Amino acid sequence: MAEFEDWAAPNLTLPQLEQRVRQAIPETEELVMTLAEQLKQQGREEGLSQGRLHGLLRQRGLVRRQLELKFGALPADALSRLDAAEEAALDRYAERVITAQSRVEVLRD
C-alpha cells in the first residue's frame, strides 16, 4: 500500500501522470498517447459545445432586444418561441425584424 501512496498526488499534471505511468509500465507508451489524445479531443469538443451554446444565447438575446425595441414588451408565447429557437430560426427572425410590421410577422415559421 505504501507503494501506491507514493504515486498519489492531488495536484498531478497530465505530463507528470504520463511520466509516472511510463516509469511504472514502460510498454504503455502507446496507451498513454491514446489516452492523452482522447482527453484533448474531449476538451476540444466540450469547448466547441460551450462556445456554440454561448453564441446561441447571445443571438437569442440580440433578437429579443431587437423585437422589444421595435414592438415593445414581448408576451410569454413570443419569449417561449425565442427560447426554443435554433440558430437558423434566429437568423431568419433577425433579418425579418428589419422589414416586419409586427412581432408575429417576425416569429412566423
PDB file of N, CA and C in Angstrom:
ATOM      1  N   MET A   1       0.812  -1.188   0.000  1.00  0.00           N
ATOM      2  CA  MET A   1       0.000   0.000   0.000  1.00  0.00           C
ATOM      3  C   MET A   1       0.863   1.263   0.000  1.00  0.00           C
ATOM      4  N   ALA A   2       1.985   1.210   0.652  1.00  0.00           N
ATOM      5  CA  ALA A   2       2.882   2.355   0.688  1.00  0.00           C
ATOM      6  C   ALA A   2       3.331   2.733  -0.721  1.00  0.00           C
ATOM      7  N   GLU A   3       3.522   1.717  -1.576  1.00  0.00           N
ATOM      8  CA  GLU A   3       3.935   1.988  -2.949  1.00  0.00           C
ATOM      9  C   GLU A   3       2.877   2.825  -3.667  1.00  0.00           C
ATOM     10  N   PHE A   4       1.590   2.515  -3.465  1.00  0.00           N
ATOM     11  CA  PHE A   4       0.506   3.278  -4.078  1.00  0.00           C
ATOM     12  C   PHE A   4       0.490   4.710  -3.552  1.00  0.00           C
ATOM     13  N   GLU A   5       0.726   4.879  -2.266  1.00  0.00           N
ATOM     14  CA  GLU A   5       0.709   6.203  -1.668  1.00  0.00           C
ATOM     15  C   GLU A   5       1.798   7.085  -2.275  1.00  0.00           C
ATOM     16  N   ASP A   6       2.904   6.500  -2.671  1.00  0.00           N
ATOM     17  CA  ASP A   6       3.965   7.265  -3.313  1.00  0.00           C
ATOM     18  C   ASP A   6       3.489   7.845  -4.649  1.00  0.00           C
ATOM     19  N   TRP A   7       2.557   7.160  -5.276  1.00  0.00           N
ATOM     20  CA  TRP A   7       2.058   7.591  -6.577  1.00  0.00           C
ATOM     21  C   TRP A   7       0.933   8.618  -6.441  1.00  0.00           C
ATOM     22  N   ALA A   8       0.234   8.614  -5.347  1.00  0.00           N
ATOM     23  CA  ALA A   8      -0.904   9.513  -5.180  1.00  0.00           C
ATOM     24  C   ALA A   8      -0.407  10.949  -5.038  1.00  0.00           C
ATOM     25  N   ALA A   9      -1.008  11.837  -5.789  1.00  0.00           N
ATOM     26  CA  ALA A   9      -0.656  13.250  -5.715  1.00  0.00           C
ATOM     27  C   ALA A   9      -1.887  14.057  -6.104  1.00  0.00           C
ATOM     28  N   PRO A  10      -2.364  14.910  -5.234  1.00  0.00           N
ATOM     29  CA  PRO A  10      -3.605  15.625  -5.519  1.00  0.00           C
ATOM     30  C   PRO A  10      -3.490  16.639  -6.659  1.00  0.00           C
ATOM     31  N   ASN A  11      -2.312  17.155  -6.913  1.00  0.00           N
ATOM     32  CA  ASN A  11      -2.143  18.188  -7.943  1.00  0.00           C
ATOM     33  C   ASN A  11      -1.288  17.704  -9.110  1.00  0.00           C
ATOM     34  N   LEU A  12      -1.423  16.461  -9.454  1.00  0.00           N
ATOM     35  CA  LEU A  12      -0.630  15.872 -10.523  1.00  0.00           C
ATOM     36  C   LEU A  12      -1.081  16.425 -11.870  1.00  0.00           C
ATOM     37  N   THR A  13      -0.131  16.906 -12.668  1.00  0.00           N
ATOM     38  CA  THR A  13      -0.448  17.411 -14.000  1.00  0.00           C
ATOM     39  C   THR A  13      -0.465  16.245 -14.983  1.00  0.00           C
ATOM     40  N   LEU A  14      -1.045  16.484 -16.155  1.00  0.00           N
ATOM     41  CA  LEU A  14      -1.095  15.432 -17.173  1.00  0.00           C
ATOM     42  C   LEU A  14       0.305  14.959 -17.568  1.00  0.00           C
ATOM     43  N   PRO A  15       1.261  15.851 -17.827  1.00  0.00           N
ATOM     44  CA  PRO A  15       2.619  15.375 -18.158  1.00  0.00           C
ATOM     45  C   PRO A  15       3.250  14.560 -17.025  1.00  0.00           C
ATOM     46  N   GLN A  16       3.003  14.960 -15.790  1.00  0.00           N
ATOM     47  CA  GLN A  16       3.537  14.201 -14.659  1.00  0.00           C
ATOM     48  C   GLN A  16       2.902  12.818 -14.585  1.00  0.00           C
ATOM     49  N   LEU A  17       1.593  12.754 -14.840  1.00  0.00           N
ATOM     50  CA  LEU A  17       0.907  11.466 -14.852  1.00  0.00           C
ATOM     51  C   LEU A  17       1.480  10.571 -15.939  1.00  0.00           C
ATOM     52  N   GLU A  18       1.653  11.123 -17.136  1.00  0.00           N
ATOM     53  CA  GLU A  18       2.232  10.346 -18.236  1.00  0.00           C
ATOM     54  C   GLU A  18       3.604   9.806 -17.857  1.00  0.00           C
ATOM     55  N   GLN A  19       4.430  10.661 -17.263  1.00  0.00           N
ATOM     56  CA  GLN A  19       5.778  10.247 -16.870  1.00  0.00           C
ATOM     57  C   GLN A  19       5.718   9.119 -15.848  1.00  0.00           C
ATOM     58  N   ARG A  20       4.854   9.236 -14.879  1.00  0.00           N
ATOM     59  CA  ARG A  20       4.758   8.203 -13.837  1.00  0.00           C
ATOM     60  C   ARG A  20       4.250   6.877 -14.399  1.00  0.00           C
ATOM     61  N   VAL A  21       3.297   6.953 -15.308  1.00  0.00           N
ATOM     62  CA  VAL A  21       2.791   5.717 -15.914  1.00  0.00           C
ATOM     63  C   VAL A  21       3.884   5.065 -16.753  1.00  0.00           C
ATOM     64  N   ARG A  22       4.630   5.857 -17.528  1.00  0.00           N
ATOM     65  CA  ARG A  22       5.727   5.306 -18.339  1.00  0.00           C
ATOM     66  C   ARG A  22       6.802   4.663 -17.464  1.00  0.00           C
ATOM     67  N   GLN A  23       7.093   5.276 -16.334  1.00  0.00           N
ATOM     68  CA  GLN A  23       8.095   4.714 -15.426  1.00  0.00           C
ATOM     69  C   GLN A  23       7.613   3.394 -14.838  1.00  0.00           C
ATOM     70  N   ALA A  24       6.355   3.335 -14.478  1.00  0.00           N
ATOM     71  CA  ALA A  24       5.827   2.127 -13.848  1.00  0.00           C
ATOM     72  C   ALA A  24       5.618   1.010 -14.853  1.00  0.00           C
ATOM     73  N   ILE A  25       5.131   1.369 -16.038  1.00  0.00           N
ATOM     74  CA  ILE A  25       4.818   0.366 -17.055  1.00  0.00           C
ATOM     75  C   ILE A  25       5.315   0.892 -18.400  1.00  0.00           C
ATOM     76  N   PRO A  26       6.587   0.672 -18.719  1.00  0.00           N
ATOM     77  CA  PRO A  26       7.171   1.232 -19.941  1.00  0.00           C
ATOM     78  C   PRO A  26       6.435   0.860 -21.230  1.00  0.00           C
ATOM     79  N   GLU A  27       5.816  -0.312 -21.273  1.00  0.00           N
ATOM     80  CA  GLU A  27       5.150  -0.742 -22.503  1.00  0.00           C
ATOM     81  C   GLU A  27       3.819  -0.018 -22.743  1.00  0.00           C
ATOM     82  N   THR A  28       3.469   0.939 -21.910  1.00  0.00           N
ATOM     83  CA  THR A  28       2.194   1.645 -22.067  1.00  0.00           C
ATOM     84  C   THR A  28       2.309   2.917 -22.894  1.00  0.00           C
ATOM     85  N   GLU A  29       3.441   3.152 -23.521  1.00  0.00           N
ATOM     86  CA  GLU A  29       3.658   4.385 -24.282  1.00  0.00           C
ATOM     87  C   GLU A  29       2.495   4.671 -25.237  1.00  0.00           C
ATOM     88  N   GLU A  30       2.100   3.686 -26.026  1.00  0.00           N
ATOM     89  CA  GLU A  30       1.022   3.890 -26.987  1.00  0.00           C
ATOM     90  C   GLU A  30      -0.301   4.152 -26.273  1.00  0.00           C
ATOM     91  N   LEU A  31      -0.560   3.455 -25.197  1.00  0.00           N
ATOM     92  CA  LEU A  31      -1.787   3.648 -24.429  1.00  0.00           C
ATOM     93  C   LEU A  31      -1.841   5.055 -23.848  1.00  0.00           C
ATOM     94  N   VAL A  32      -0.746   5.511 -23.301  1.00  0.00           N
ATOM     95  CA  VAL A  32      -0.705   6.848 -22.709  1.00  0.00           C
ATOM     96  C   VAL A  32      -0.980   7.899 -23.774  1.00  0.00           C
ATOM     97  N   MET A  33      -0.373   7.761 -24.936  1.00  0.00           N
ATOM     98  CA  MET A  33      -0.605   8.723 -26.003  1.00  0.00           C
ATOM     99  C   MET A  33      -2.059   8.680 -26.465  1.00  0.00           C
ATOM    100  N   THR A  34      -2.636   7.502 -26.556  1.00  0.00           N
ATOM    101  CA  THR A  34      -4.027   7.373 -26.954  1.00  0.00           C
ATOM    102  C   THR A  34      -4.930   8.060 -25.938  1.00  0.00           C
ATOM    103  N   LEU A  35      -4.683   7.838 -24.664  1.00  0.00           N
ATOM    104  CA  LEU A  35      -5.482   8.478 -23.621  1.00  0.00           C
ATOM    105  C   LEU A  35      -5.312   9.994 -23.652  1.00  0.00           C
ATOM    106  N   ALA A  36      -4.093  10.444 -23.852  1.00  0.00           N
ATOM    107  CA  ALA A  36      -3.846  11.881 -23.910  1.00  0.00           C
ATOM    108  C   ALA A  36      -4.594  12.507 -25.087  1.00  0.00           C
ATOM    109  N   GLU A  37      -4.560  11.865 -26.240  1.00  0.00           N
ATOM    110  CA  GLU A  37      -5.280  12.377 -27.408  1.00  0.00           C
ATOM    111  C   GLU A  37      -6.783  12.374 -27.165  1.00  0.00           C
ATOM    112  N   GLN A  38      -7.291  11.346 -26.515  1.00  0.00           N
ATOM    113  CA  GLN A  38      -8.721  11.291 -26.203  1.00  0.00           C
ATOM    114  C   GLN A  38      -9.113  12.434 -25.268  1.00  0.00           C
ATOM    115  N   LEU A  39      -8.278  12.708 -24.272  1.00  0.00           N
ATOM    116  CA  LEU A  39      -8.563  13.807 -23.350  1.00  0.00           C
ATOM    117  C   LEU A  39      -8.531  15.151 -24.072  1.00  0.00           C
ATOM    118  N   LYS A  40      -7.574  15.321 -24.965  1.00  0.00           N
ATOM    119  CA  LYS A  40      -7.501  16.563 -25.734  1.00  0.00           C
ATOM    120  C   LYS A  40      -8.745  16.723 -26.610  1.00  0.00           C
ATOM    121  N   GLN A  41      -9.124  15.648 -27.288  1.00  0.00           N
ATOM    122  CA  GLN A  41     -10.302  15.702 -28.160  1.00  0.00           C
ATOM    123  C   GLN A  41     -11.562  15.998 -27.353  1.00  0.00           C
ATOM    124  N   GLN A  42     -11.684  15.368 -26.203  1.00  0.00           N
ATOM    125  CA  GLN A  42     -12.840  15.614 -25.345  1.00  0.00           C
ATOM    126  C   GLN A  42     -12.877  17.087 -24.926  1.00  0.00           C
ATOM    127  N   GLY A  43     -11.735  17.637 -24.584  1.00  0.00           N
ATOM    128  CA  GLY A  43     -11.662  19.050 -24.213  1.00  0.00           C
ATOM    129  C   GLY A  43     -12.052  19.958 -25.366  1.00  0.00           C
ATOM    130  N   ARG A  44     -11.590  19.622 -26.568  1.00  0.00           N
ATOM    131  CA  ARG A  44     -11.959  20.414 -27.745  1.00  0.00           C
ATOM    132  C   ARG A  44     -13.463  20.394 -27.969  1.00  0.00           C
ATOM    133  N   GLU A  45     -14.041  19.187 -27.903  1.00  0.00           N
ATOM    134  CA  GLU A  45     -15.478  19.036 -28.132  1.00  0.00           C
ATOM    135  C   GLU A  45     -16.287  19.792 -27.084  1.00  0.00           C
ATOM    136  N   GLU A  46     -15.869  19.715 -25.834  1.00  0.00           N
ATOM    137  CA  GLU A  46     -16.571  20.443 -24.777  1.00  0.00           C
ATOM    138  C   GLU A  46     -16.455  21.946 -24.991  1.00  0.00           C
ATOM    139  N   GLY A  47     -15.288  22.402 -25.399  1.00  0.00           N
ATOM    140  CA  GLY A  47     -15.092  23.827 -25.671  1.00  0.00           C
ATOM    141  C   GLY A  47     -15.955  24.310 -26.823  1.00  0.00           C
ATOM    142  N   LEU A  48     -16.016  23.523 -27.887  1.00  0.00           N
ATOM    143  CA  LEU A  48     -16.858  23.889 -29.028  1.00  0.00           C
ATOM    144  C   LEU A  48     -18.329  23.915 -28.636  1.00  0.00           C
ATOM    145  N   SER A  49     -18.742  22.932 -27.879  1.00  0.00           N
ATOM    146  CA  SER A  49     -20.136  22.862 -27.438  1.00  0.00           C
ATOM    147  C   SER A  49     -20.497  24.073 -26.582  1.00  0.00           C
ATOM    148  N   GLN A  50     -19.621  24.421 -25.664  1.00  0.00           N
ATOM    149  CA  GLN A  50     -19.868  25.593 -24.812  1.00  0.00           C
ATOM    150  C   GLN A  50     -19.879  26.872 -25.639  1.00  0.00           C
ATOM    151  N   GLY A  51     -18.998  26.947 -26.617  1.00  0.00           N
ATOM    152  CA  GLY A  51     -18.951  28.117 -27.488  1.00  0.00           C
ATOM    153  C   GLY A  51     -20.214  28.265 -28.310  1.00  0.00           C
ATOM    154  N   ARG A  52     -20.713  27.154 -28.838  1.00  0.00           N
ATOM    155  CA  ARG A  52     -21.959  27.188 -29.614  1.00  0.00           C
ATOM    156  C   ARG A  52     -23.128  27.638 -28.743  1.00  0.00           C
ATOM    157  N   LEU A  53     -23.198  27.080 -27.540  1.00  0.00           N
ATOM    158  CA  LEU A  53     -24.274  27.443 -26.624  1.00  0.00           C
ATOM    159  C   LEU A  53     -24.204  28.926 -26.279  1.00  0.00           C
ATOM    160  N   HIS A  54     -23.020  29.413 -25.983  1.00  0.00           N
ATOM    161  CA  HIS A  54     -22.846  30.833 -25.652  1.00  0.00           C
ATOM    162  C   HIS A  54     -23.279  31.708 -26.833  1.00  0.00           C
ATOM    163  N   GLY A  55     -22.882  31.331 -28.031  1.00  0.00           N
ATOM    164  CA  GLY A  55     -23.267  32.082 -29.223  1.00  0.00           C
ATOM    165  C   GLY A  55     -24.772  32.079 -29.445  1.00  0.00           C
ATOM    166  N   LEU A  56     -25.398  30.933 -29.224  1.00  0.00           N
ATOM    167  CA  LEU A  56     -26.845  30.818 -29.388  1.00  0.00           C
ATOM    168  C   LEU A  56     -27.571  31.701 -28.372  1.00  0.00           C
ATOM    169  N   LEU A  57     -27.096  31.699 -27.130  1.00  0.00           N
ATOM    170  CA  LEU A  57     -27.713  32.537 -26.095  1.00  0.00           C
ATOM    171  C   LEU A  57     -27.562  34.025 -26.431  1.00  0.00           C
ATOM    172  N   ARG A  58     -26.396  34.407 -26.924  1.00  0.00           N
ATOM    173  CA  ARG A  58     -26.183  35.806 -27.312  1.00  0.00           C
ATOM    174  C   ARG A  58     -27.093  36.179 -28.485  1.00  0.00           C
ATOM    175  N   GLN A  59     -27.234  35.276 -29.447  1.00  0.00           N
ATOM    176  CA  GLN A  59     -28.071  35.543 -30.605  1.00  0.00           C
ATOM    177  C   GLN A  59     -29.535  35.687 -30.179  1.00  0.00           C
ATOM    178  N   ARG A  60     -29.991  34.831 -29.272  1.00  0.00           N
ATOM    179  CA  ARG A  60     -31.362  34.946 -28.760  1.00  0.00           C
ATOM    180  C   ARG A  60     -31.571  36.290 -28.073  1.00  0.00           C
ATOM    181  N   GLY A  61     -30.593  36.677 -27.265  1.00  0.00           N
ATOM    182  CA  GLY A  61     -30.695  37.960 -26.568  1.00  0.00           C
ATOM    183  C   GLY A  61     -30.757  39.131 -27.527  1.00  0.00           C
ATOM    184  N   LEU A  62     -29.966  39.069 -28.585  1.00  0.00           N
ATOM    185  CA  LEU A  62     -29.958  40.139 -29.577  1.00  0.00           C
ATOM    186  C   LEU A  62     -31.307  40.240 -30.289  1.00  0.00           C
ATOM    187  N   VAL A  63     -31.842  39.111 -30.730  1.00  0.00           N
ATOM    188  CA  VAL A  63     -33.134  39.123 -31.419  1.00  0.00           C
ATOM    189  C   VAL A  63     -34.222  39.626 -30.470  1.00  0.00           C
ATOM    190  N   ARG A  64     -34.156  39.208 -29.228  1.00  0.00           N
ATOM    191  CA  ARG A  64     -35.148  39.678 -28.245  1.00  0.00           C
ATOM    192  C   ARG A  64     -35.068  41.203 -28.090  1.00  0.00           C
ATOM    193  N   ARG A  65     -33.857  41.730 -27.965  1.00  0.00           N
ATOM    194  CA  ARG A  65     -33.701  43.180 -27.830  1.00  0.00           C
ATOM    195  C   ARG A  65     -34.214  43.918 -29.069  1.00  0.00           C
ATOM    196  N   GLN A  66     -33.934  43.341 -30.247  1.00  0.00           N
ATOM    197  CA  GLN A  66     -34.421  43.961 -31.486  1.00  0.00           C
ATOM    198  C   GLN A  66     -35.947  44.010 -31.497  1.00  0.00           C
ATOM    199  N   LEU A  67     -36.556  42.872 -31.139  1.00  0.00           N
ATOM    200  CA  LEU A  67     -38.021  42.808 -31.123  1.00  0.00           C
ATOM    201  C   LEU A  67     -38.609  43.788 -30.114  1.00  0.00           C
ATOM    202  N   GLU A  68     -38.021  43.866 -28.927  1.00  0.00           N
ATOM    203  CA  GLU A  68     -38.541  44.757 -27.887  1.00  0.00           C
ATOM    204  C   GLU A  68     -38.364  46.223 -28.276  1.00  0.00           C
ATOM    205  N   LEU A  69     -37.251  46.550 -28.913  1.00  0.00           N
ATOM    206  CA  LEU A  69     -37.049  47.930 -29.342  1.00  0.00           C
ATOM    207  C   LEU A  69     -38.064  48.344 -30.408  1.00  0.00           C
ATOM    208  N   LYS A  70     -38.381  47.404 -31.275  1.00  0.00           N
ATOM    209  CA  LYS A  70     -39.283  47.740 -32.381  1.00  0.00           C
ATOM    210  C   LYS A  70     -40.758  47.609 -32.004  1.00  0.00           C
ATOM    211  N   PHE A  71     -41.093  46.569 -31.205  1.00  0.00           N
ATOM    212  CA  PHE A  71     -42.511  46.278 -30.950  1.00  0.00           C
ATOM    213  C   PHE A  71     -42.919  46.386 -29.485  1.00  0.00           C
ATOM    214  N   GLY A  72     -41.993  46.672 -28.597  1.00  0.00           N
ATOM    215  CA  GLY A  72     -42.332  46.771 -27.180  1.00  0.00           C
ATOM    216  C   GLY A  72     -42.168  45.431 -26.473  1.00  0.00           C
ATOM    217  N   ALA A  73     -42.646  45.385 -25.239  1.00  0.00           N
ATOM    218  CA  ALA A  73     -42.516  44.177 -24.411  1.00  0.00           C
ATOM    219  C   ALA A  73     -43.121  42.968 -25.115  1.00  0.00           C
ATOM    220  N   LEU A  74     -42.462  41.821 -24.955  1.00  0.00           N
ATOM    221  CA  LEU A  74     -42.915  40.602 -25.620  1.00  0.00           C
ATOM    222  C   LEU A  74     -43.774  39.758 -24.682  1.00  0.00           C
ATOM    223  N   PRO A  75     -44.849  39.191 -25.220  1.00  0.00           N
ATOM    224  CA  PRO A  75     -45.672  38.298 -24.404  1.00  0.00           C
ATOM    225  C   PRO A  75     -44.963  36.955 -24.189  1.00  0.00           C
ATOM    226  N   ALA A  76     -45.477  36.183 -23.265  1.00  0.00           N
ATOM    227  CA  ALA A  76     -44.871  34.895 -22.899  1.00  0.00           C
ATOM    228  C   ALA A  76     -44.716  33.964 -24.088  1.00  0.00           C
ATOM    229  N   ASP A  77     -45.700  33.921 -24.990  1.00  0.00           N
ATOM    230  CA  ASP A  77     -45.599  32.995 -26.127  1.00  0.00           C
ATOM    231  C   ASP A  77     -44.439  33.377 -27.051  1.00  0.00           C
ATOM    232  N   ALA A  78     -44.197  34.659 -27.223  1.00  0.00           N
ATOM    233  CA  ALA A  78     -43.071  35.093 -28.062  1.00  0.00           C
ATOM    234  C   ALA A  78     -41.743  34.757 -27.389  1.00  0.00           C
ATOM    235  N   LEU A  79     -41.665  34.957 -26.084  1.00  0.00           N
ATOM    236  CA  LEU A  79     -40.448  34.614 -25.352  1.00  0.00           C
ATOM    237  C   LEU A  79     -40.181  33.119 -25.409  1.00  0.00           C
ATOM    238  N   SER A  80     -41.226  32.317 -25.297  1.00  0.00           N
ATOM    239  CA  SER A  80     -41.075  30.858 -25.388  1.00  0.00           C
ATOM    240  C   SER A  80     -40.574  30.452 -26.771  1.00  0.00           C
ATOM    241  N   ARG A  81     -41.102  31.100 -27.781  1.00  0.00           N
ATOM    242  CA  ARG A  81     -40.671  30.792 -29.155  1.00  0.00           C
ATOM    243  C   ARG A  81     -39.187  31.127 -29.342  1.00  0.00           C
ATOM    244  N   LEU A  82     -38.773  32.267 -28.809  1.00  0.00           N
ATOM    245  CA  LEU A  82     -37.359  32.638 -28.897  1.00  0.00           C
ATOM    246  C   LEU A  82     -36.487  31.646 -28.127  1.00  0.00           C
ATOM    247  N   ASP A  83     -36.911  31.264 -26.938  1.00  0.00           N
ATOM    248  CA  ASP A  83     -36.132  30.332 -26.110  1.00  0.00           C
ATOM    249  C   ASP A  83     -35.961  28.977 -26.781  1.00  0.00           C
ATOM    250  N   ALA A  84     -36.926  28.585 -27.597  1.00  0.00           N
ATOM    251  CA  ALA A  84     -36.869  27.281 -28.256  1.00  0.00           C
ATOM    252  C   ALA A  84     -36.195  27.341 -29.627  1.00  0.00           C
ATOM    253  N   ALA A  85     -35.957  28.539 -30.134  1.00  0.00           N
ATOM    254  CA  ALA A  85     -35.445  28.703 -31.498  1.00  0.00           C
ATOM    255  C   ALA A  85     -33.989  28.270 -31.617  1.00  0.00           C
ATOM    256  N   GLU A  86     -33.707  27.619 -32.713  1.00  0.00           N
ATOM    257  CA  GLU A  86     -32.337  27.235 -33.048  1.00  0.00           C
ATOM    258  C   GLU A  86     -31.701  28.345 -33.889  1.00  0.00           C
ATOM    259  N   GLU A  87     -30.437  28.170 -34.218  1.00  0.00           N
ATOM    260  CA  GLU A  87     -29.660  29.199 -34.904  1.00  0.00           C
ATOM    261  C   GLU A  87     -30.295  29.657 -36.217  1.00  0.00           C
ATOM    262  N   ALA A  88     -30.743  28.732 -37.051  1.00  0.00           N
ATOM    263  CA  ALA A  88     -31.305  29.099 -38.357  1.00  0.00           C
ATOM    264  C   ALA A  88     -32.562  29.951 -38.189  1.00  0.00           C
ATOM    265  N   ALA A  89     -33.416  29.587 -37.241  1.00  0.00           N
ATOM    266  CA  ALA A  89     -34.631  30.358 -36.998  1.00  0.00           C
ATOM    267  C   ALA A  89     -34.272  31.751 -36.478  1.00  0.00           C
ATOM    268  N   LEU A  90     -33.313  31.827 -35.580  1.00  0.00           N
ATOM    269  CA  LEU A  90     -32.902  33.126 -35.047  1.00  0.00           C
ATOM    270  C   LEU A  90     -32.340  34.015 -36.149  1.00  0.00           C
ATOM    271  N   ASP A  91     -31.624  33.426 -37.093  1.00  0.00           N
ATOM    272  CA  ASP A  91     -31.117  34.187 -38.241  1.00  0.00           C
ATOM    273  C   ASP A  91     -32.280  34.782 -39.038  1.00  0.00           C
ATOM    274  N   ARG A  92     -33.313  33.960 -39.286  1.00  0.00           N
ATOM    275  CA  ARG A  92     -34.487  34.444 -40.027  1.00  0.00           C
ATOM    276  C   ARG A  92     -35.173  35.573 -39.262  1.00  0.00           C
ATOM    277  N   TYR A  93     -35.350  35.389 -37.965  1.00  0.00           N
ATOM    278  CA  TYR A  93     -36.011  36.411 -37.146  1.00  0.00           C
ATOM    279  C   TYR A  93     -35.234  37.730 -37.205  1.00  0.00           C
ATOM    280  N   ALA A  94     -33.929  37.648 -37.073  1.00  0.00           N
ATOM    281  CA  ALA A  94     -33.098  38.858 -37.083  1.00  0.00           C
ATOM    282  C   ALA A  94     -33.237  39.606 -38.413  1.00  0.00           C
ATOM    283  N   GLU A  95     -33.324  38.870 -39.507  1.00  0.00           N
ATOM    284  CA  GLU A  95     -33.495  39.502 -40.813  1.00  0.00           C
ATOM    285  C   GLU A  95     -34.887  40.116 -40.950  1.00  0.00           C
ATOM    286  N   ARG A  96     -35.897  39.418 -40.469  1.00  0.00           N
ATOM    287  CA  ARG A  96     -37.275  39.898 -40.603  1.00  0.00           C
ATOM    288  C   ARG A  96     -37.562  41.135 -39.766  1.00  0.00           C
ATOM    289  N   VAL A  97     -36.874  41.288 -38.651  1.00  0.00           N
ATOM    290  CA  VAL A  97     -37.119  42.445 -37.791  1.00  0.00           C
ATOM    291  C   VAL A  97     -36.986  43.745 -38.589  1.00  0.00           C
ATOM    292  N   ILE A  98     -36.117  43.752 -39.556  1.00  0.00           N
ATOM    293  CA  ILE A  98     -35.837  44.967 -40.327  1.00  0.00           C
ATOM    294  C   ILE A  98     -37.070  45.448 -41.091  1.00  0.00           C
ATOM    295  N   THR A  99     -37.813  44.522 -41.688  1.00  0.00           N
ATOM    296  CA  THR A  99     -38.934  44.930 -42.548  1.00  0.00           C
ATOM    297  C   THR A  99     -40.306  44.578 -41.996  1.00  0.00           C
ATOM    298  N   ALA A 100     -40.390  43.765 -40.967  1.00  0.00           N
ATOM    299  CA  ALA A 100     -41.691  43.298 -40.457  1.00  0.00           C
ATOM    300  C   ALA A 100     -42.489  44.439 -39.833  1.00  0.00           C
ATOM    301  N   GLN A 101     -43.807  44.296 -39.917  1.00  0.00           N
ATOM    302  CA  GLN A 101     -44.709  45.282 -39.327  1.00  0.00           C
ATOM    303  C   GLN A 101     -45.239  44.846 -37.956  1.00  0.00           C
ATOM    304  N   SER A 102     -44.947  43.572 -37.572  1.00  0.00           N
ATOM    305  CA  SER A 102     -45.397  43.069 -36.277  1.00  0.00           C
ATOM    306  C   SER A 102     -44.460  41.979 -35.808  1.00  0.00           C
ATOM    307  N   ARG A 103     -44.482  41.732 -34.496  1.00  0.00           N
ATOM    308  CA  ARG A 103     -43.652  40.643 -33.961  1.00  0.00           C
ATOM    309  C   ARG A 103     -44.135  39.294 -34.462  1.00  0.00           C
ATOM    310  N   VAL A 104     -45.436  39.174 -34.714  1.00  0.00           N
ATOM    311  CA  VAL A 104     -45.987  37.910 -35.235  1.00  0.00           C
ATOM    312  C   VAL A 104     -45.385  37.625 -36.606  1.00  0.00           C
ATOM    313  N   GLU A 105     -45.231  38.645 -37.406  1.00  0.00           N
ATOM    314  CA  GLU A 105     -44.634  38.514 -38.731  1.00  0.00           C
ATOM    315  C   GLU A 105     -43.167  38.054 -38.614  1.00  0.00           C
ATOM    316  N   VAL A 106     -42.473  38.547 -37.638  1.00  0.00           N
ATOM    317  CA  VAL A 106     -41.074  38.167 -37.425  1.00  0.00           C
ATOM    318  C   VAL A 106     -40.972  36.713 -37.002  1.00  0.00           C
ATOM    319  N   LEU A 107     -41.832  36.288 -36.078  1.00  0.00           N
ATOM    320  CA  LEU A 107     -41.708  34.965 -35.464  1.00  0.00           C
ATOM    321  C   LEU A 107     -42.459  33.851 -36.189  1.00  0.00           C
ATOM    322  N   ARG A 108     -43.021  34.147 -37.345  1.00  0.00           N
ATOM    323  CA  ARG A 108     -43.715  33.072 -38.083  1.00  0.00           C
ATOM    324  C   ARG A 108     -42.699  32.058 -38.606  1.00  0.00           C
ATOM    325  N   ASP A 109     -43.186  30.866 -38.921  1.00  0.00           N
ATOM    326  CA  ASP A 109     -42.287  29.812 -39.452  1.00  0.00           C
ATOM    327  C   ASP A 109     -41.861  30.084 -40.862  1.00  0.00           C
TER     328      ASP A 109
END
